Amino acid sequence: MTEPLPFPSGEQGCHRILNAIDVIGARWTGSILMAAVRGARRFKEYRALIGGISDSQLTVRLKELQARGLIARTVIPSTPVQITYTLTTAGEELIAALVPLSRWGEQHLAGDDDA
């Protein structure tokens, strides 16, 4: 028999897990984070990489991810001014936490991509 995996116990641990799921489960979040993995990008680059997202949806989601400390907005003083968005350390840690979940999905949810 294998040892049980360490898992947050109690109500507080469950709330932390549910909060994390709320963050990663929000529409477009995964696509934005995956685009950000490749480095700093401008707004138009994100929009081009994420099919189907509107300007307003992308704006809202980038602001939410900034507020949560997962994406950093950098203003580059130039003519014209350039603004880039990149993963923060917390965003990189979230991506690292999602890799095992992705592997689990590949193994156990094969064929569910159409859902």
Protein backbone atom coordinates (compact mmCIF):
# COMPACT_ATOMS: atom_id res chain seq x y z
CA MET A 1 0.00 0.00 0.00
CA THR A 2 1.31 3.46 -0.84
CA GLU A 3 1.58 6.35 1.56
CA PRO A 4 -1.20 8.92 1.27
CA LEU A 5 -0.22 12.10 -0.53
CA PRO A 6 0.21 15.19 1.61
CA PHE A 7 -3.04 17.08 1.33
CA PRO A 8 -4.23 20.17 3.15
CA SER A 9 -6.61 19.03 5.82
CA GLY A 10 -9.46 20.85 7.39
CA GLU A 11 -11.73 23.56 6.14
CA GLN A 12 -8.94 26.10 5.59
CA GLY A 13 -7.03 23.70 3.32
CA CYS A 14 -10.16 23.03 1.28
CA HIS A 15 -10.80 26.75 0.87
CA ARG A 16 -7.26 27.28 -0.43
CA ILE A 17 -7.73 24.55 -3.02
CA LEU A 18 -11.10 25.94 -4.11
CA ASN A 19 -9.63 29.44 -4.39
CA ALA A 20 -6.81 28.12 -6.58
CA ILE A 21 -9.31 26.31 -8.79
CA ASP A 22 -11.31 29.55 -9.12
CA VAL A 23 -8.18 31.31 -10.37
CA ILE A 24 -7.11 28.72 -12.92
CA GLY A 25 -10.66 27.86 -13.94
CA ALA A 26 -11.61 31.38 -15.03
CA ARG A 27 -12.22 31.59 -18.77
CA TRP A 28 -9.11 32.47 -20.80
CA THR A 29 -6.74 32.26 -17.82
CA GLY A 30 -5.04 29.09 -19.02
CA SER A 31 -4.58 30.45 -22.53
CA ILE A 32 -3.12 33.71 -21.24
CA LEU A 33 -0.74 31.96 -18.86
CA MET A 34 0.41 29.56 -21.58
CA ALA A 35 1.09 32.50 -23.90
CA ALA A 36 2.99 34.27 -21.11
CA VAL A 37 5.26 31.26 -20.57
CA ARG A 38 7.15 32.20 -23.72
CA GLY A 39 8.15 35.62 -22.36
CA ALA A 40 6.97 39.20 -22.30
CA ARG A 41 4.24 39.98 -24.80
CA ARG A 42 2.28 42.98 -25.92
CA PHE A 43 -1.51 43.10 -25.81
CA LYS A 44 -1.85 42.49 -29.56
CA GLU A 45 0.44 39.45 -29.34
CA TYR A 46 -1.76 37.88 -26.67
CA ARG A 47 -4.87 38.57 -28.73
CA ALA A 48 -3.27 36.99 -31.81
CA LEU A 49 -2.21 33.87 -29.86
CA ILE A 50 -5.57 33.38 -28.13
CA GLY A 51 -8.23 32.72 -30.71
CA GLY A 52 -11.71 33.91 -29.86
CA ILE A 53 -10.86 36.33 -27.07
CA SER A 54 -12.16 39.88 -27.43
CA ASP A 55 -10.20 42.99 -26.53
CA SER A 56 -12.46 43.65 -23.55
CA GLN A 57 -12.16 40.07 -22.27
CA LEU A 58 -8.39 40.15 -22.59
CA THR A 59 -8.21 43.51 -20.83
CA VAL A 60 -10.33 42.29 -17.92
CA ARG A 61 -8.45 39.02 -17.55
CA LEU A 62 -5.00 40.68 -17.71
CA LYS A 63 -6.08 43.14 -14.99
CA GLU A 64 -7.37 40.28 -12.83
CA LEU A 65 -4.15 38.31 -13.27
CA GLN A 66 -2.17 41.44 -12.39
CA ALA A 67 -4.27 41.97 -9.27
CA ARG A 68 -3.55 38.38 -8.23
CA GLY A 69 0.18 38.88 -8.78
CA LEU A 70 0.47 36.35 -11.61
CA ILE A 71 1.15 38.78 -14.47
CA ALA A 72 3.29 41.92 -14.38
CA ARG A 73 2.57 44.93 -16.59
CA THR A 74 5.64 46.85 -17.72
CA VAL A 75 5.55 50.24 -19.42
CA ILE A 76 8.50 50.77 -21.75
CA PRO A 77 9.11 54.46 -22.38
CA SER A 78 9.50 54.75 -26.11
CA THR A 79 7.71 56.40 -28.98
CA PRO A 80 5.09 55.11 -29.01
CA VAL A 81 4.96 53.81 -25.43
CA GLN A 82 5.03 50.02 -25.29
CA ILE A 83 3.35 47.93 -22.64
CA THR A 84 4.26 44.31 -22.07
CA TYR A 85 2.81 41.63 -19.84
CA THR A 86 4.91 38.82 -18.40
CA LEU A 87 4.66 36.11 -15.77
CA THR A 88 5.70 36.98 -12.25
CA THR A 89 7.46 34.51 -9.99
CA ALA A 90 4.05 33.53 -8.59
CA GLY A 91 2.81 32.97 -12.16
CA GLU A 92 5.80 30.77 -12.92
CA GLU A 93 5.13 28.78 -9.74
CA LEU A 94 1.51 28.34 -10.80
CA ILE A 95 2.62 27.02 -14.20
CA ALA A 96 4.98 24.59 -12.44
CA ALA A 97 2.09 23.40 -10.26
CA LEU A 98 -0.12 22.88 -13.31
CA VAL A 99 2.37 20.65 -15.17
CA PRO A 100 1.53 17.54 -13.09
CA LEU A 101 -2.17 18.28 -13.54
CA SER A 102 -1.63 18.45 -17.29
CA ARG A 103 0.20 15.11 -17.23
CA TRP A 104 -2.64 13.58 -15.23
CA GLY A 105 -5.11 14.87 -17.81
CA GLU A 106 -3.10 13.33 -20.64
CA GLN A 107 -3.13 9.96 -18.90
CA HIS A 108 -6.68 9.87 -17.61
CA LEU A 109 -8.76 12.14 -19.82
CA ALA A 110 -7.65 11.01 -23.26
CA GLY A 111 -10.28 11.94 -25.82
CA ASP A 112 -12.00 14.48 -23.55
CA ASP A 113 -10.50 17.45 -25.43
CA ASP A 114 -13.74 17.89 -27.37
CA ALA A 115 -15.77 18.56 -24.21
